[in-house]
Amino acid sequence: MEFLHASLALLASMVLVLAGMVGWLYWQQTRLFQNMNSIIMVIGELARPPPPVEEELVDLVGLSEKVSEQIAELKEPEEDDRASVEPEAPKTDIVEGPPAPLDTDGLESKSKKELQEILTKRGIPFGKGDTKSGLISLLKATA
């Protein structure tokens, strides 16, 4: 019977030690969570932007009026460098009547640049890579 009592005492002491360890772990976990919450609160306070400071002049020995006059003199209006949000009126050419008749016989003697200028004046779209013969055919088609 003595062996049975000794084994029960050993088992009871082991249960007591395990219960103490579980309690100690719970206490450590609670302390850890409290510390983490404190750190999070400090970081939150540091991350928050400071409140805006209102510009107020403190009346020190009657100098506030002089200081406000000097500040008003020093302040210059700032230039507005933002782009206008109002749309500009489109620049369009007003065409009155049909274009003047075009002499298609002398087109072969003109250069490519001259043909492009004629097309531009008449408002006819063309490609920059168009050949001289292509430009002439455009002018003949619209004449």
N, C-alpha and C. Protein backbone atom coordinates (compact mmCIF):
# COMPACT_ATOMS: atom_id res chain seq x y z
N MET A 1 0.82 -1.18 0.00
CA MET A 1 0.00 0.00 0.00
C MET A 1 0.86 1.25 0.00
N GLU A 2 2.04 1.09 0.53
CA GLU A 2 2.93 2.23 0.59
C GLU A 2 3.33 2.68 -0.81
N PHE A 3 3.51 1.74 -1.72
CA PHE A 3 3.86 2.07 -3.11
C PHE A 3 2.73 2.85 -3.78
N LEU A 4 1.48 2.47 -3.51
CA LEU A 4 0.32 3.15 -4.07
C LEU A 4 0.23 4.57 -3.56
N HIS A 5 0.48 4.81 -2.29
CA HIS A 5 0.45 6.16 -1.71
C HIS A 5 1.56 7.03 -2.32
N ALA A 6 2.72 6.45 -2.49
CA ALA A 6 3.85 7.19 -3.06
C ALA A 6 3.57 7.58 -4.50
N SER A 7 2.97 6.68 -5.27
CA SER A 7 2.69 6.99 -6.68
C SER A 7 1.59 8.03 -6.78
N LEU A 8 0.56 7.99 -5.89
CA LEU A 8 -0.49 9.02 -5.89
C LEU A 8 0.08 10.37 -5.48
N ALA A 9 0.99 10.40 -4.51
CA ALA A 9 1.61 11.66 -4.10
C ALA A 9 2.44 12.24 -5.23
N LEU A 10 3.15 11.37 -5.95
CA LEU A 10 3.95 11.83 -7.10
C LEU A 10 3.05 12.36 -8.21
N LEU A 11 1.95 11.68 -8.47
CA LEU A 11 1.01 12.13 -9.50
C LEU A 11 0.37 13.45 -9.11
N ALA A 12 0.00 13.61 -7.85
CA ALA A 12 -0.61 14.86 -7.37
C ALA A 12 0.38 16.02 -7.47
N SER A 13 1.64 15.75 -7.12
CA SER A 13 2.65 16.83 -7.22
C SER A 13 2.90 17.21 -8.67
N MET A 14 2.88 16.23 -9.58
CA MET A 14 3.06 16.53 -11.01
C MET A 14 1.90 17.36 -11.54
N VAL A 15 0.67 17.04 -11.13
CA VAL A 15 -0.49 17.82 -11.55
C VAL A 15 -0.38 19.24 -11.02
N LEU A 16 0.07 19.39 -9.78
CA LEU A 16 0.23 20.71 -9.18
C LEU A 16 1.30 21.51 -9.93
N VAL A 17 2.40 20.88 -10.27
CA VAL A 17 3.46 21.57 -11.03
C VAL A 17 2.95 21.97 -12.41
N LEU A 18 2.23 21.07 -13.08
CA LEU A 18 1.68 21.40 -14.40
C LEU A 18 0.67 22.54 -14.32
N ALA A 19 -0.18 22.53 -13.30
CA ALA A 19 -1.16 23.61 -13.12
C ALA A 19 -0.44 24.93 -12.88
N GLY A 20 0.63 24.89 -12.08
CA GLY A 20 1.42 26.12 -11.85
C GLY A 20 2.06 26.62 -13.13
N MET A 21 2.57 25.73 -13.97
CA MET A 21 3.19 26.13 -15.24
C MET A 21 2.16 26.76 -16.18
N VAL A 22 0.95 26.18 -16.23
CA VAL A 22 -0.11 26.73 -17.09
C VAL A 22 -0.49 28.12 -16.59
N GLY A 23 -0.60 28.29 -15.26
CA GLY A 23 -0.90 29.61 -14.71
C GLY A 23 0.18 30.63 -15.03
N TRP A 24 1.46 30.20 -14.87
CA TRP A 24 2.57 31.09 -15.17
C TRP A 24 2.57 31.50 -16.64
N LEU A 25 2.29 30.55 -17.57
CA LEU A 25 2.23 30.87 -19.01
C LEU A 25 1.08 31.84 -19.30
N TYR A 26 -0.07 31.65 -18.65
CA TYR A 26 -1.20 32.56 -18.84
C TYR A 26 -0.84 33.97 -18.38
N TRP A 27 -0.15 34.07 -17.24
CA TRP A 27 0.25 35.37 -16.72
C TRP A 27 1.25 36.05 -17.66
N GLN A 28 2.19 35.28 -18.20
CA GLN A 28 3.16 35.84 -19.14
C GLN A 28 2.47 36.32 -20.43
N GLN A 29 1.52 35.52 -20.89
CA GLN A 29 0.80 35.90 -22.10
C GLN A 29 0.01 37.20 -21.88
N THR A 30 -0.63 37.36 -20.76
CA THR A 30 -1.37 38.57 -20.44
C THR A 30 -0.45 39.78 -20.40
N ARG A 31 0.71 39.64 -19.76
CA ARG A 31 1.68 40.73 -19.72
C ARG A 31 2.17 41.08 -21.12
N LEU A 32 2.40 40.07 -21.94
CA LEU A 32 2.87 40.29 -23.31
C LEU A 32 1.83 41.06 -24.11
N PHE A 33 0.55 40.67 -24.01
CA PHE A 33 -0.51 41.38 -24.74
C PHE A 33 -0.67 42.81 -24.26
N GLN A 34 -0.54 43.04 -22.94
CA GLN A 34 -0.62 44.41 -22.42
C GLN A 34 0.51 45.27 -22.97
N ASN A 35 1.71 44.72 -23.01
CA ASN A 35 2.85 45.47 -23.54
C ASN A 35 2.69 45.75 -25.03
N MET A 36 2.19 44.76 -25.75
CA MET A 36 1.98 44.96 -27.19
C MET A 36 0.94 46.06 -27.43
N ASN A 37 -0.15 46.05 -26.67
CA ASN A 37 -1.17 47.10 -26.82
C ASN A 37 -0.60 48.47 -26.49
N SER A 38 0.26 48.56 -25.49
CA SER A 38 0.88 49.84 -25.15
C SER A 38 1.77 50.33 -26.28
N ILE A 39 2.53 49.43 -26.86
CA ILE A 39 3.41 49.80 -27.98
C ILE A 39 2.59 50.24 -29.18
N ILE A 40 1.50 49.55 -29.46
CA ILE A 40 0.64 49.91 -30.59
C ILE A 40 0.04 51.29 -30.37
N MET A 41 -0.38 51.58 -29.13
CA MET A 41 -0.94 52.90 -28.83
C MET A 41 0.10 53.99 -29.02
N VAL A 42 1.34 53.74 -28.60
CA VAL A 42 2.41 54.74 -28.76
C VAL A 42 2.69 54.98 -30.24
N ILE A 43 2.76 53.90 -31.01
CA ILE A 43 3.01 54.05 -32.45
C ILE A 43 1.86 54.79 -33.11
N GLY A 44 0.64 54.51 -32.69
CA GLY A 44 -0.52 55.22 -33.24
C GLY A 44 -0.47 56.70 -32.93
N GLU A 45 -0.05 57.04 -31.72
CA GLU A 45 0.07 58.46 -31.36
C GLU A 45 1.16 59.14 -32.17
N LEU A 46 2.27 58.44 -32.41
CA LEU A 46 3.36 59.03 -33.18
C LEU A 46 3.00 59.16 -34.65
N ALA A 47 2.19 58.26 -35.16
CA ALA A 47 1.83 58.29 -36.58
C ALA A 47 0.74 59.32 -36.88
N ARG A 48 0.00 59.72 -35.88
CA ARG A 48 -1.08 60.70 -36.09
C ARG A 48 -0.46 62.06 -36.40
N PRO A 49 -0.96 62.75 -37.46
CA PRO A 49 -0.40 64.06 -37.78
C PRO A 49 -0.74 65.06 -36.68
N PRO A 50 0.14 66.00 -36.45
CA PRO A 50 -0.13 66.97 -35.39
C PRO A 50 -1.32 67.85 -35.76
N PRO A 51 -2.06 68.32 -34.77
CA PRO A 51 -3.20 69.17 -35.07
C PRO A 51 -2.72 70.49 -35.66
N PRO A 52 -3.54 71.12 -36.53
CA PRO A 52 -3.10 72.38 -37.14
C PRO A 52 -2.98 73.47 -36.07
N VAL A 53 -1.93 74.23 -36.21
CA VAL A 53 -1.68 75.30 -35.27
C VAL A 53 -2.34 76.57 -35.79
N GLU A 54 -3.19 77.18 -35.00
CA GLU A 54 -3.85 78.40 -35.41
C GLU A 54 -2.89 79.56 -35.21
N GLU A 55 -2.87 80.44 -36.21
CA GLU A 55 -1.98 81.58 -36.14
C GLU A 55 -2.67 82.69 -35.34
N GLU A 56 -2.23 82.86 -34.13
CA GLU A 56 -2.76 83.92 -33.29
C GLU A 56 -1.60 84.74 -32.77
N LEU A 57 -1.77 86.02 -32.77
CA LEU A 57 -0.73 86.88 -32.22
C LEU A 57 -1.04 87.11 -30.74
N VAL A 58 -0.05 86.93 -29.94
CA VAL A 58 -0.21 87.12 -28.51
C VAL A 58 0.12 88.58 -28.21
N ASP A 59 -0.74 89.22 -27.45
CA ASP A 59 -0.54 90.63 -27.11
C ASP A 59 0.50 90.74 -26.00
N LEU A 60 1.72 91.04 -26.38
CA LEU A 60 2.80 91.20 -25.42
C LEU A 60 3.19 92.67 -25.37
N VAL A 61 2.84 93.31 -24.33
CA VAL A 61 3.18 94.71 -24.05
C VAL A 61 2.74 95.61 -25.21
N GLY A 62 1.57 95.37 -25.78
CA GLY A 62 1.00 96.23 -26.81
C GLY A 62 1.70 96.15 -28.15
N LEU A 63 2.44 95.09 -28.43
CA LEU A 63 3.17 94.98 -29.69
C LEU A 63 2.38 94.27 -30.77
N SER A 64 1.21 93.73 -30.44
CA SER A 64 0.49 92.93 -31.42
C SER A 64 0.04 93.74 -32.62
N GLU A 65 -0.35 95.00 -32.42
CA GLU A 65 -0.78 95.83 -33.55
C GLU A 65 0.38 96.11 -34.48
N LYS A 66 1.54 96.42 -33.93
CA LYS A 66 2.73 96.70 -34.76
C LYS A 66 3.15 95.45 -35.53
N VAL A 67 3.10 94.32 -34.86
CA VAL A 67 3.50 93.07 -35.49
C VAL A 67 2.53 92.72 -36.62
N SER A 68 1.22 92.88 -36.39
CA SER A 68 0.25 92.56 -37.43
C SER A 68 0.39 93.49 -38.64
N GLU A 69 0.74 94.76 -38.41
CA GLU A 69 0.96 95.68 -39.54
C GLU A 69 2.20 95.25 -40.32
N GLN A 70 3.25 94.84 -39.62
CA GLN A 70 4.47 94.42 -40.30
C GLN A 70 4.24 93.13 -41.09
N ILE A 71 3.46 92.23 -40.53
CA ILE A 71 3.16 90.98 -41.24
C ILE A 71 2.33 91.27 -42.48
N ALA A 72 1.37 92.18 -42.38
CA ALA A 72 0.55 92.54 -43.53
C ALA A 72 1.39 93.16 -44.63
N GLU A 73 2.41 93.95 -44.26
CA GLU A 73 3.29 94.54 -45.26
C GLU A 73 4.16 93.49 -45.93
N LEU A 74 4.60 92.49 -45.15
CA LEU A 74 5.51 91.48 -45.69
C LEU A 74 4.82 90.46 -46.57
N LYS A 75 3.56 90.19 -46.31
CA LYS A 75 2.86 89.17 -47.08
C LYS A 75 2.57 89.68 -48.48
N GLU A 76 3.01 88.90 -49.45
CA GLU A 76 2.75 89.23 -50.85
C GLU A 76 1.80 88.17 -51.40
N PRO A 77 0.94 88.57 -52.30
CA PRO A 77 0.05 87.55 -52.88
C PRO A 77 0.86 86.53 -53.67
N GLU A 78 0.53 85.28 -53.47
CA GLU A 78 1.23 84.20 -54.17
C GLU A 78 0.70 84.08 -55.59
N GLU A 79 1.62 83.75 -56.50
CA GLU A 79 1.21 83.56 -57.88
C GLU A 79 0.56 82.19 -58.03
N ASP A 80 -0.49 82.17 -58.81
CA ASP A 80 -1.21 80.92 -59.03
C ASP A 80 -0.62 80.26 -60.27
N ASP A 81 0.11 79.13 -60.06
CA ASP A 81 0.74 78.45 -61.18
C ASP A 81 -0.05 77.25 -61.66
N ARG A 82 -1.30 77.15 -61.22
CA ARG A 82 -2.12 76.03 -61.66
C ARG A 82 -2.68 76.31 -63.05
N ALA A 83 -2.97 75.26 -63.76
CA ALA A 83 -3.54 75.39 -65.09
C ALA A 83 -5.02 75.73 -64.97
N SER A 84 -5.51 76.43 -65.94
CA SER A 84 -6.91 76.82 -65.93
C SER A 84 -7.79 75.60 -66.17
N VAL A 85 -8.91 75.55 -65.46
CA VAL A 85 -9.83 74.43 -65.63
C VAL A 85 -10.90 74.75 -66.66
N GLU A 86 -10.95 76.01 -67.10
CA GLU A 86 -11.93 76.38 -68.11
C GLU A 86 -11.37 76.00 -69.47
N PRO A 87 -12.17 75.30 -70.26
CA PRO A 87 -11.66 74.90 -71.58
C PRO A 87 -11.51 76.13 -72.48
N GLU A 88 -10.41 76.14 -73.20
CA GLU A 88 -10.19 77.24 -74.13
C GLU A 88 -11.07 77.06 -75.36
N ALA A 89 -11.46 78.17 -75.93
CA ALA A 89 -12.29 78.10 -77.13
C ALA A 89 -11.44 77.53 -78.27
N PRO A 90 -11.97 76.57 -78.99
CA PRO A 90 -11.18 75.98 -80.07
C PRO A 90 -10.92 77.02 -81.16
N LYS A 91 -9.69 77.00 -81.64
CA LYS A 91 -9.31 77.94 -82.69
C LYS A 91 -9.67 77.31 -84.04
N THR A 92 -10.68 77.84 -84.65
CA THR A 92 -11.11 77.31 -85.94
C THR A 92 -11.09 78.43 -86.97
N ASP A 93 -10.78 78.06 -88.16
CA ASP A 93 -10.82 79.02 -89.26
C ASP A 93 -12.23 79.05 -89.82
N ILE A 94 -12.71 80.24 -90.03
CA ILE A 94 -14.04 80.39 -90.60
C ILE A 94 -13.89 80.46 -92.11
N VAL A 95 -14.49 79.50 -92.77
CA VAL A 95 -14.41 79.43 -94.23
C VAL A 95 -15.71 79.97 -94.80
N GLU A 96 -15.57 80.95 -95.65
CA GLU A 96 -16.75 81.53 -96.28
C GLU A 96 -16.73 81.15 -97.76
N GLY A 97 -17.63 80.35 -98.13
CA GLY A 97 -17.75 79.95 -99.54
C GLY A 97 -16.82 78.82 -99.90
N PRO A 98 -16.95 78.34 -101.12
CA PRO A 98 -16.10 77.23 -101.57
C PRO A 98 -14.68 77.72 -101.84
N PRO A 99 -13.71 76.82 -101.81
CA PRO A 99 -12.32 77.22 -102.09
C PRO A 99 -12.18 77.63 -103.56
N ALA A 100 -11.15 78.40 -103.79
CA ALA A 100 -10.90 78.88 -105.16
C ALA A 100 -10.58 77.69 -106.05
N PRO A 101 -10.94 77.78 -107.30
CA PRO A 101 -10.64 76.66 -108.21
C PRO A 101 -9.14 76.45 -108.33
N LEU A 102 -8.76 75.20 -108.50
CA LEU A 102 -7.36 74.82 -108.51
C LEU A 102 -6.94 74.45 -109.94
N ASP A 103 -5.78 74.96 -110.33
CA ASP A 103 -5.24 74.62 -111.63
C ASP A 103 -4.50 73.29 -111.49
N THR A 104 -5.08 72.22 -112.01
CA THR A 104 -4.49 70.90 -111.85
C THR A 104 -3.45 70.60 -112.91
N ASP A 105 -3.29 71.46 -113.90
CA ASP A 105 -2.32 71.20 -114.96
C ASP A 105 -0.89 71.45 -114.49
N GLY A 106 -0.64 72.43 -113.63
CA GLY A 106 0.73 72.78 -113.22
C GLY A 106 1.16 72.12 -111.93
N LEU A 107 0.46 71.09 -111.47
CA LEU A 107 0.80 70.45 -110.21
C LEU A 107 2.07 69.61 -110.29
N GLU A 108 2.36 69.07 -111.46
CA GLU A 108 3.54 68.20 -111.59
C GLU A 108 4.83 68.98 -111.41
N SER A 109 4.81 70.27 -111.70
CA SER A 109 6.04 71.08 -111.59
C SER A 109 6.30 71.54 -110.15
N LYS A 110 5.34 71.38 -109.26
CA LYS A 110 5.51 71.83 -107.87
C LYS A 110 6.20 70.75 -107.05
N SER A 111 6.88 71.22 -105.99
CA SER A 111 7.58 70.28 -105.11
C SER A 111 6.58 69.64 -104.13
N LYS A 112 7.06 68.62 -103.43
CA LYS A 112 6.22 67.91 -102.47
C LYS A 112 5.78 68.84 -101.34
N LYS A 113 6.69 69.71 -100.89
CA LYS A 113 6.38 70.64 -99.80
C LYS A 113 5.30 71.64 -100.24
N GLU A 114 5.39 72.11 -101.46
CA GLU A 114 4.38 73.05 -101.96
C GLU A 114 3.02 72.37 -102.07
N LEU A 115 3.02 71.12 -102.51
CA LEU A 115 1.76 70.38 -102.60
C LEU A 115 1.14 70.18 -101.21
N GLN A 116 1.99 69.91 -100.23
CA GLN A 116 1.48 69.75 -98.85
C GLN A 116 0.90 71.06 -98.33
N GLU A 117 1.53 72.18 -98.66
CA GLU A 117 1.00 73.48 -98.23
C GLU A 117 -0.35 73.76 -98.87
N ILE A 118 -0.50 73.41 -100.14
CA ILE A 118 -1.79 73.61 -100.83
C ILE A 118 -2.87 72.75 -100.16
N LEU A 119 -2.53 71.50 -99.86
CA LEU A 119 -3.49 70.62 -99.19
C LEU A 119 -3.87 71.15 -97.81
N THR A 120 -2.89 71.68 -97.10
CA THR A 120 -3.16 72.22 -95.77
C THR A 120 -4.08 73.44 -95.86
N LYS A 121 -3.84 74.32 -96.83
CA LYS A 121 -4.68 75.52 -97.01
C LYS A 121 -6.11 75.14 -97.35
N ARG A 122 -6.28 74.06 -98.08
CA ARG A 122 -7.61 73.63 -98.48
C ARG A 122 -8.28 72.76 -97.41
N GLY A 123 -7.54 72.37 -96.38
CA GLY A 123 -8.11 71.56 -95.31
C GLY A 123 -8.26 70.11 -95.68
N ILE A 124 -7.43 69.63 -96.57
CA ILE A 124 -7.50 68.24 -97.01
C ILE A 124 -6.45 67.44 -96.23
N PRO A 125 -6.84 66.38 -95.54
CA PRO A 125 -5.86 65.61 -94.77
C PRO A 125 -4.98 64.77 -95.69
N PHE A 126 -3.71 64.66 -95.29
CA PHE A 126 -2.75 63.86 -96.04
C PHE A 126 -1.76 63.27 -95.06
N GLY A 127 -1.07 62.25 -95.50
CA GLY A 127 -0.06 61.62 -94.65
C GLY A 127 1.31 62.19 -94.95
N LYS A 128 2.17 62.23 -93.94
CA LYS A 128 3.51 62.77 -94.13
C LYS A 128 4.35 61.88 -95.05
N GLY A 129 4.01 60.63 -95.10
CA GLY A 129 4.76 59.71 -95.94
C GLY A 129 4.20 59.57 -97.35
N ASP A 130 3.17 60.36 -97.69
CA ASP A 130 2.58 60.28 -99.02
C ASP A 130 3.58 60.73 -100.08
N THR A 131 3.54 60.06 -101.21
CA THR A 131 4.44 60.44 -102.30
C THR A 131 3.86 61.64 -103.05
N LYS A 132 4.69 62.21 -103.92
CA LYS A 132 4.27 63.38 -104.69
C LYS A 132 3.08 63.02 -105.58
N SER A 133 3.11 61.86 -106.18
CA SER A 133 2.01 61.45 -107.05
C SER A 133 0.72 61.25 -106.24
N GLY A 134 0.84 60.78 -104.98
CA GLY A 134 -0.33 60.61 -104.12
C GLY A 134 -0.93 61.95 -103.75
N LEU A 135 -0.08 62.94 -103.49
CA LEU A 135 -0.56 64.28 -103.15
C LEU A 135 -1.26 64.92 -104.37
N ILE A 136 -0.68 64.71 -105.54
CA ILE A 136 -1.30 65.26 -106.77
C ILE A 136 -2.66 64.63 -107.00
N SER A 137 -2.77 63.32 -106.78
CA SER A 137 -4.06 62.66 -106.98
C SER A 137 -5.09 63.15 -105.97
N LEU A 138 -4.68 63.45 -104.74
CA LEU A 138 -5.59 64.02 -103.75
C LEU A 138 -6.10 65.38 -104.22
N LEU A 139 -5.19 66.20 -104.71
CA LEU A 139 -5.61 67.53 -105.17
C LEU A 139 -6.53 67.43 -106.38
N LYS A 140 -6.25 66.51 -107.29
CA LYS A 140 -7.11 66.37 -108.47
C LYS A 140 -8.48 65.83 -108.09
N ALA A 141 -8.52 64.95 -107.07
CA ALA A 141 -9.79 64.37 -106.65
C ALA A 141 -10.68 65.41 -105.98
N THR A 142 -10.10 66.37 -105.32
CA THR A 142 -10.90 67.38 -104.62
C THR A 142 -11.11 68.64 -105.43
N ALA A 143 -10.52 68.73 -106.60
CA ALA A 143 -10.68 69.94 -107.42
C ALA A 143 -12.03 70.02 -108.08
